[in-house]
Amino acid sequence: MDINSLVQPHLARIKTYTPVDPPEILAKRAGIPEDQVIKLNGNENQYGPSPKAVAAIANAALHVYPDPAQRSIRSALAEYTGLGVEHIVAGAGSDELIDLLFRLFVSIGDTVIDSDPTFGMYDFGARLAGANIALVPRDDRFDVDIVGVVSAAREHDAKLVFIASPNNPTGNLTPENDVRELLSAGLIVVVDEAYYEFCGVTMAGLVPEFENLVVLRTMSKWAGLAGLRIGYGLMSPTLAQRIMDIKSPYNVNIAAEAALVASLGDTEELLGRVQKIVVERDRVMELLEATSGVIPWPSSGNFILCRFDSGRTGEIYDGLAARGIFVRRFSTERLHDTFRISIGSPPQNDALIATMRSLLEGGS
């Protein structure tokens, strides 16, 4: 029996999302101890979680199923966001909410708009749903081609578009006027604000005004909870209920629930750390701008995209990896001469810059 013959055709030929490897694998690759790895490829928070979150996990009732109605989570998020609990749904990372939105709105053969370059999970989620991709490339400044998106949506009868703001991996924001234009075109607009805390710019205030707006956020970046997979969406009460109806009953585990609630009770400390990362990001930006052979793009996230002279990107990337410094490279044609640097601690960033300069100058 050939089990592959029973797999849905669009899943049998799926192009897999390329994730980053964990530290222990990176250490083996570089031939160094794990504690010497400088991991700057996942946009992770080098400060880690709040101590209150760690304590909450230690005391969580791990033998008990989590609340399927997410009452504690939604209540804590309502206080943090200023929107009522009826507007909020939590997921096992915002990735789960992306998947649920595809399940809710997209059928096999439908078309989804993708604005390359951007977060790869939108393209991956669309393909999992069996959708076709209408690619509307971002412009030379990596801004969304709003006219092109609306035109493509009309041509292909598309109804769903994802806008990462700040965009990953380019770091730029999408203005409110552009979001309003997409909303007015009748599209379901999903604004992914995974890096909201690093810029303070949000479309959450538009949620009560537009039933076709979804704002996604995560606790991975600013709160240091990437390993627990906890994110949330802000949307109309009607859409929120639809998502609640189709999600797995116990989708957010009890440890993630405890950590989220505790983190939202420690926002002063966590946002103070965010500000330190922003200051460090700006310092790294200045160092990159002063480095010959690299062009950094201004960023509103906790990362910086760097472009290199033609043909040198692989050389610099491999040279960094050989020295235990790992950054994020992409396989798309648009980004073939770039890689993305997550903002680490000052010593990690100094080591990155020093090594990068040595490699660019031809050092060993």
Protein backbone atom coordinates (compact mmCIF):
# COMPACT_ATOMS: atom_id res chain seq x y z
CA MET A 1 0.00 0.00 0.00
CA ASP A 2 1.29 3.44 -0.93
CA ILE A 3 0.24 5.74 1.91
CA ASN A 4 1.21 8.76 -0.19
CA SER A 5 -1.61 8.01 -2.61
CA LEU A 6 -4.12 8.76 0.17
CA VAL A 7 -2.66 12.16 1.09
CA GLN A 8 -4.52 15.22 -0.15
CA PRO A 9 -2.77 16.34 -3.36
CA HIS A 10 -2.10 19.90 -2.20
CA LEU A 11 -0.47 18.59 0.99
CA ALA A 12 1.56 15.91 -0.79
CA ARG A 13 3.45 18.64 -2.65
CA ILE A 14 3.58 21.23 0.16
CA LYS A 15 6.66 23.41 0.38
CA THR A 16 7.69 23.15 4.02
CA TYR A 17 8.28 26.21 6.18
CA THR A 18 11.95 26.54 7.10
CA PRO A 19 12.33 27.12 10.87
CA VAL A 20 15.46 27.96 12.87
CA ASP A 21 17.35 25.21 14.65
CA PRO A 22 17.65 25.03 18.47
CA PRO A 23 20.89 26.02 20.26
CA GLU A 24 22.13 22.47 20.80
CA ILE A 25 22.05 21.78 17.05
CA LEU A 26 23.73 25.09 16.27
CA ALA A 27 26.47 24.30 18.80
CA LYS A 28 27.18 20.94 17.16
CA ARG A 29 27.28 22.62 13.76
CA ALA A 30 29.86 25.15 14.95
CA GLY A 31 31.77 22.63 17.05
CA ILE A 32 31.51 24.71 20.22
CA PRO A 33 29.82 24.36 23.64
CA GLU A 34 26.17 25.32 23.66
CA ASP A 35 26.75 28.20 26.08
CA GLN A 36 29.06 29.83 23.54
CA VAL A 37 26.45 30.00 20.79
CA ILE A 38 25.31 33.52 19.86
CA LYS A 39 21.81 32.87 18.56
CA LEU A 40 20.57 35.91 16.66
CA ASN A 41 18.31 34.17 14.16
CA GLY A 42 14.91 33.87 15.88
CA ASN A 43 14.02 37.40 17.07
CA GLU A 44 13.99 36.00 20.59
CA ASN A 45 14.18 38.16 23.70
CA GLN A 46 17.65 37.76 25.22
CA TYR A 47 16.34 38.89 28.63
CA GLY A 48 14.03 35.89 28.86
CA PRO A 49 10.68 35.85 30.70
CA SER A 50 9.56 37.73 33.78
CA PRO A 51 10.62 36.04 37.05
CA LYS A 52 6.95 36.23 38.00
CA ALA A 53 6.09 34.15 34.93
CA VAL A 54 8.70 31.53 35.87
CA ALA A 55 7.29 31.34 39.40
CA ALA A 56 3.75 31.08 38.06
CA ILE A 57 4.71 28.13 35.87
CA ALA A 58 6.39 26.39 38.80
CA ASN A 59 3.17 26.69 40.80
CA ALA A 60 0.74 25.91 37.96
CA ALA A 61 -1.62 22.95 38.31
CA LEU A 62 -0.17 21.04 35.37
CA HIS A 63 -2.43 18.04 35.99
CA VAL A 64 -5.55 20.10 35.26
CA TYR A 65 -6.92 20.87 31.80
CA PRO A 66 -6.81 24.58 30.88
CA ASP A 67 -9.98 26.64 30.67
CA PRO A 68 -11.38 26.22 27.12
CA ALA A 69 -13.15 29.59 27.45
CA GLN A 70 -9.82 31.29 28.25
CA ARG A 71 -11.45 33.43 30.96
CA SER A 72 -8.32 34.38 32.92
CA ILE A 73 -6.33 34.95 29.74
CA ARG A 74 -8.96 37.10 28.06
CA SER A 75 -9.57 39.12 31.21
CA ALA A 76 -5.87 39.88 31.63
CA LEU A 77 -5.53 40.78 27.95
CA ALA A 78 -8.60 43.00 28.09
CA GLU A 79 -6.96 45.07 30.82
CA TYR A 80 -3.69 45.22 28.87
CA THR A 81 -5.18 46.10 25.47
CA GLY A 82 -8.15 48.22 26.51
CA LEU A 83 -10.58 46.10 24.48
CA GLY A 84 -13.37 44.00 25.98
CA VAL A 85 -12.99 40.25 26.46
CA GLU A 86 -15.51 39.72 23.65
CA HIS A 87 -12.87 41.02 21.21
CA ILE A 88 -10.10 38.64 22.31
CA VAL A 89 -9.07 35.08 21.45
CA ALA A 90 -5.80 33.43 22.51
CA GLY A 91 -3.92 30.82 20.55
CA ALA A 92 -0.98 28.47 20.82
CA GLY A 93 1.16 31.22 19.36
CA SER A 94 -0.22 33.64 16.82
CA ASP A 95 0.69 30.92 14.29
CA GLU A 96 -2.34 28.95 15.47
CA LEU A 97 -4.59 31.95 14.95
CA ILE A 98 -3.20 32.39 11.43
CA ASP A 99 -4.09 28.76 10.74
CA LEU A 100 -7.58 29.18 12.23
CA LEU A 101 -8.25 32.23 10.05
CA PHE A 102 -7.34 30.23 6.97
CA ARG A 103 -9.61 27.41 8.11
CA LEU A 104 -12.46 29.84 8.67
CA PHE A 105 -12.25 31.82 5.45
CA VAL A 106 -10.29 29.88 2.81
CA SER A 107 -11.34 26.84 0.79
CA ILE A 108 -9.24 24.73 -1.57
CA GLY A 109 -8.77 26.70 -4.77
CA ASP A 110 -9.34 30.12 -3.21
CA THR A 111 -6.73 32.83 -3.69
CA VAL A 112 -4.81 34.58 -0.93
CA ILE A 113 -2.77 37.76 -1.42
CA ASP A 114 0.86 37.67 -0.26
CA SER A 115 3.09 40.76 -0.14
CA ASP A 116 6.65 39.50 -0.52
CA PRO A 117 8.94 39.80 1.36
CA THR A 118 7.12 39.13 4.61
CA PHE A 119 6.60 36.51 7.32
CA GLY A 120 6.67 33.08 5.71
CA MET A 121 3.82 31.61 7.75
CA TYR A 122 1.20 33.44 5.66
CA ASP A 123 2.31 31.72 2.47
CA PHE A 124 2.72 28.40 4.30
CA GLY A 125 -0.72 28.65 5.92
CA ALA A 126 -2.35 29.47 2.61
CA ARG A 127 -0.75 26.44 0.97
CA LEU A 128 -1.85 24.19 3.85
CA ALA A 129 -5.38 25.38 3.16
CA GLY A 130 -5.01 24.49 -0.52
CA ALA A 131 -5.17 28.11 -1.62
CA ASN A 132 -3.50 29.73 -4.59
CA ILE A 133 -1.09 32.60 -3.93
CA ALA A 134 -1.42 35.95 -5.73
CA LEU A 135 1.96 37.59 -5.16
CA VAL A 136 1.94 41.39 -4.96
CA PRO A 137 5.56 42.35 -4.24
CA ARG A 138 6.34 45.14 -1.81
CA ASP A 139 7.97 48.20 -3.38
CA ASP A 140 11.65 49.20 -3.22
CA ARG A 141 11.13 50.53 0.32
CA PHE A 142 9.34 47.31 1.29
CA ASP A 143 6.02 49.14 1.64
CA VAL A 144 2.83 47.29 0.72
CA ASP A 145 1.55 48.02 -2.78
CA ILE A 146 -1.96 48.91 -1.66
CA VAL A 147 -3.29 49.56 -5.17
CA GLY A 148 -1.77 46.30 -6.35
CA VAL A 149 -3.27 44.33 -3.45
CA VAL A 150 -6.76 45.72 -4.04
CA SER A 151 -6.47 45.10 -7.78
CA ALA A 152 -5.27 41.51 -7.27
CA ALA A 153 -8.02 40.85 -4.74
CA ARG A 154 -10.65 41.95 -7.23
CA GLU A 155 -9.09 40.01 -10.09
CA HIS A 156 -8.88 36.76 -8.10
CA ASP A 157 -11.90 37.28 -5.83
CA ALA A 158 -9.57 37.08 -2.84
CA LYS A 159 -10.95 38.01 0.56
CA LEU A 160 -8.02 37.69 2.97
CA VAL A 161 -4.77 39.64 3.24
CA PHE A 162 -2.07 39.58 5.93
CA ILE A 163 -0.05 42.71 6.72
CA ALA A 164 2.86 42.37 9.15
CA SER A 165 3.52 45.73 10.84
CA PRO A 166 6.38 46.04 11.66
CA ASN A 167 7.07 43.77 8.74
CA ASN A 168 9.24 40.73 9.30
CA PRO A 169 12.02 40.70 8.11
CA THR A 170 12.23 44.27 6.81
CA GLY A 171 11.16 46.11 9.99
CA ASN A 172 8.97 48.80 8.40
CA LEU A 173 5.49 49.87 9.49
CA THR A 174 2.31 50.04 7.41
CA PRO A 175 0.50 53.40 7.85
CA GLU A 176 -3.04 53.49 9.20
CA ASN A 177 -4.33 55.11 6.01
CA ASP A 178 -3.14 52.10 4.00
CA VAL A 179 -4.85 49.70 6.40
CA ARG A 180 -8.07 51.72 6.19
CA GLU A 181 -7.92 51.59 2.39
CA LEU A 182 -7.66 47.80 2.45
CA LEU A 183 -10.49 47.56 4.97
CA SER A 184 -12.69 49.81 2.85
CA ALA A 185 -12.07 47.53 -0.14
CA GLY A 186 -14.00 44.80 1.66
CA LEU A 187 -11.02 42.58 2.41
CA ILE A 188 -10.52 40.75 5.69
CA VAL A 189 -7.34 42.48 6.81
CA VAL A 190 -5.11 40.72 9.33
CA VAL A 191 -2.52 43.09 10.79
CA ASP A 192 0.20 41.07 12.47
CA GLU A 193 1.65 43.18 15.30
CA ALA A 194 4.09 40.62 16.70
CA TYR A 195 6.56 43.45 17.38
CA TYR A 196 4.05 46.04 18.62
CA GLU A 197 5.76 46.65 21.95
CA PHE A 198 8.99 47.64 20.19
CA CYS A 199 7.32 50.44 18.23
CA GLY A 200 4.07 51.36 20.03
CA VAL A 201 2.15 51.64 16.75
CA THR A 202 -1.07 49.65 16.61
CA MET A 203 -4.31 49.28 14.65
CA ALA A 204 -6.13 47.91 17.71
CA GLY A 205 -8.13 51.14 18.02
CA LEU A 206 -9.77 50.36 14.67
CA VAL A 207 -11.11 46.98 15.79
CA PRO A 208 -14.45 48.30 17.13
CA GLU A 209 -14.91 50.28 13.89
CA PHE A 210 -14.20 47.51 11.36
CA GLU A 211 -15.69 44.03 11.58
CA ASN A 212 -13.24 42.84 8.89
CA LEU A 213 -10.10 43.76 10.88
CA VAL A 214 -8.02 41.29 12.90
CA VAL A 215 -4.98 42.39 14.91
CA LEU A 216 -2.59 39.61 15.93
CA ARG A 217 -0.05 39.84 18.72
CA THR A 218 2.28 37.50 20.57
CA MET A 219 3.89 37.09 23.97
CA SER A 220 6.97 35.53 22.33
CA LYS A 221 8.96 38.67 21.59
CA TRP A 222 8.40 41.35 24.23
CA ALA A 223 7.56 39.00 27.12
CA GLY A 224 10.13 36.31 26.36
CA LEU A 225 7.63 33.45 26.17
CA ALA A 226 8.51 32.08 22.72
CA GLY A 227 8.97 28.55 24.06
CA LEU A 228 5.47 28.43 25.52
CA ARG A 229 3.65 29.38 22.28
CA ILE A 230 1.10 31.96 23.37
CA GLY A 231 -0.40 34.69 21.20
CA TYR A 232 -3.73 36.44 20.81
CA GLY A 233 -6.01 38.16 18.35
CA LEU A 234 -8.13 41.29 18.62
CA MET A 235 -11.24 41.30 16.42
CA SER A 236 -14.98 41.86 16.30
CA PRO A 237 -17.06 39.90 18.82
CA THR A 238 -18.71 38.02 15.95
CA LEU A 239 -15.41 36.87 14.51
CA ALA A 240 -13.96 36.16 17.94
CA GLN A 241 -16.85 33.80 18.66
CA ARG A 242 -16.34 32.08 15.31
CA ILE A 243 -12.70 31.46 16.19
CA MET A 244 -13.62 30.24 19.67
CA ASP A 245 -16.07 27.81 18.06
CA ILE A 246 -13.49 26.15 15.82
CA LYS A 247 -10.33 26.21 17.94
CA SER A 248 -9.16 23.13 19.81
CA PRO A 249 -10.87 23.24 23.24
CA TYR A 250 -7.64 23.20 25.25
CA ASN A 251 -5.41 24.98 22.75
CA VAL A 252 -3.50 27.15 25.26
CA ASN A 253 -1.78 24.99 27.84
CA ILE A 254 -1.92 25.70 31.57
CA ALA A 255 1.74 26.75 31.80
CA ALA A 256 1.31 29.29 28.99
CA GLU A 257 -1.85 30.62 30.65
CA ALA A 258 -0.08 31.06 33.98
CA ALA A 259 2.90 32.75 32.34
CA LEU A 260 0.76 35.14 30.32
CA VAL A 261 -1.28 36.28 33.31
CA ALA A 262 1.85 36.72 35.43
CA SER A 263 3.64 38.60 32.64
CA LEU A 264 0.76 41.01 32.24
CA GLY A 265 1.08 41.66 35.97
CA ASP A 266 4.73 42.60 35.43
CA THR A 267 4.48 44.89 32.41
CA GLU A 268 6.60 47.67 33.93
CA GLU A 269 9.60 45.35 34.18
CA LEU A 270 9.03 43.74 30.79
CA LEU A 271 8.46 47.00 28.94
CA GLY A 272 11.58 48.37 30.59
CA ARG A 273 13.48 45.49 29.01
CA VAL A 274 11.84 46.26 25.67
CA GLN A 275 13.14 49.81 25.89
CA LYS A 276 16.66 48.50 26.52
CA ILE A 277 16.35 46.36 23.39
CA VAL A 278 15.17 49.38 21.38
CA VAL A 279 18.14 51.42 22.59
CA GLU A 280 20.46 48.54 21.70
CA ARG A 281 18.81 48.16 18.30
CA ASP A 282 19.54 51.80 17.53
CA ARG A 283 23.16 51.38 18.69
CA VAL A 284 23.60 48.33 16.46
CA MET A 285 22.06 50.26 13.59
CA GLU A 286 24.68 52.99 13.97
CA LEU A 287 27.47 50.40 14.04
CA LEU A 288 26.13 48.73 10.91
CA GLU A 289 25.80 52.04 9.11
CA ALA A 290 29.46 52.68 9.87
CA THR A 291 30.47 49.27 8.45
CA SER A 292 31.66 49.22 4.85
CA GLY A 293 29.98 46.66 2.61
CA VAL A 294 26.65 46.39 4.44
CA ILE A 295 23.41 48.35 4.10
CA PRO A 296 21.07 48.01 7.12
CA TRP A 297 17.37 48.77 6.81
CA PRO A 298 15.76 50.92 9.54
CA SER A 299 13.63 48.73 11.79
CA SER A 300 10.76 49.17 14.22
CA GLY A 301 11.16 45.61 15.54
CA ASN A 302 13.82 43.81 17.57
CA PHE A 303 15.82 42.93 14.46
CA ILE A 304 17.62 44.54 11.52
CA LEU A 305 17.73 43.37 7.92
CA CYS A 306 21.15 43.78 6.28
CA ARG A 307 22.00 43.81 2.59
CA PHE A 308 25.51 42.97 1.37
CA ASP A 309 27.50 43.49 -1.78
CA SER A 310 26.51 40.99 -4.46
CA GLY A 311 27.87 37.51 -3.87
CA ARG A 312 29.15 38.12 -0.33
CA THR A 313 26.07 37.26 1.71
CA GLY A 314 26.71 33.52 1.82
CA GLU A 315 30.36 34.07 2.62
CA ILE A 316 29.57 36.36 5.57
CA TYR A 317 26.72 34.15 6.79
CA ASP A 318 28.89 31.02 6.71
CA GLY A 319 31.79 32.86 8.34
CA LEU A 320 29.61 33.97 11.22
CA ALA A 321 28.16 30.47 11.65
CA ALA A 322 31.63 28.92 11.72
CA ARG A 323 32.39 31.21 14.67
CA GLY A 324 29.17 30.31 16.50
CA ILE A 325 27.17 33.40 15.50
CA PHE A 326 23.87 32.53 13.85
CA VAL A 327 21.68 34.97 11.94
CA ARG A 328 18.65 34.38 9.71
CA ARG A 329 19.06 33.89 5.99
CA PHE A 330 16.17 33.56 3.54
CA SER A 331 15.72 31.48 0.40
CA THR A 332 13.59 33.92 -1.60
CA GLU A 333 15.03 35.67 -4.64
CA ARG A 334 14.09 39.08 -3.26
CA LEU A 335 16.22 38.54 -0.15
CA HIS A 336 19.07 36.45 -1.58
CA ASP A 337 21.68 39.11 -0.76
CA THR A 338 20.42 39.81 2.77
CA PHE A 339 20.17 38.33 6.21
CA ARG A 340 18.34 39.38 9.37
CA ILE A 341 20.02 40.04 12.70
CA SER A 342 18.07 39.71 15.93
CA ILE A 343 19.10 42.18 18.62
CA GLY A 344 20.98 40.33 21.34
CA SER A 345 22.79 41.49 24.44
CA PRO A 346 25.44 44.23 24.04
CA PRO A 347 28.34 41.73 24.26
CA GLN A 348 26.67 39.46 21.69
CA ASN A 349 26.06 42.38 19.35
CA ASP A 350 29.63 43.62 19.76
CA ALA A 351 30.94 40.15 18.87
CA LEU A 352 28.68 40.07 15.82
CA ILE A 353 29.82 43.46 14.55
CA ALA A 354 33.51 42.75 15.15
CA THR A 355 33.30 39.38 13.38
CA MET A 356 31.25 40.77 10.51
CA ARG A 357 33.75 43.59 9.95
CA SER A 358 36.64 41.15 10.00
CA LEU A 359 34.92 38.97 7.40
CA LEU A 360 34.01 41.93 5.22
CA GLU A 361 37.63 43.07 5.31
CA GLY A 362 38.76 39.61 4.28
CA GLY A 363 39.99 38.46 7.69
CA SER A 364 40.14 34.84 8.71
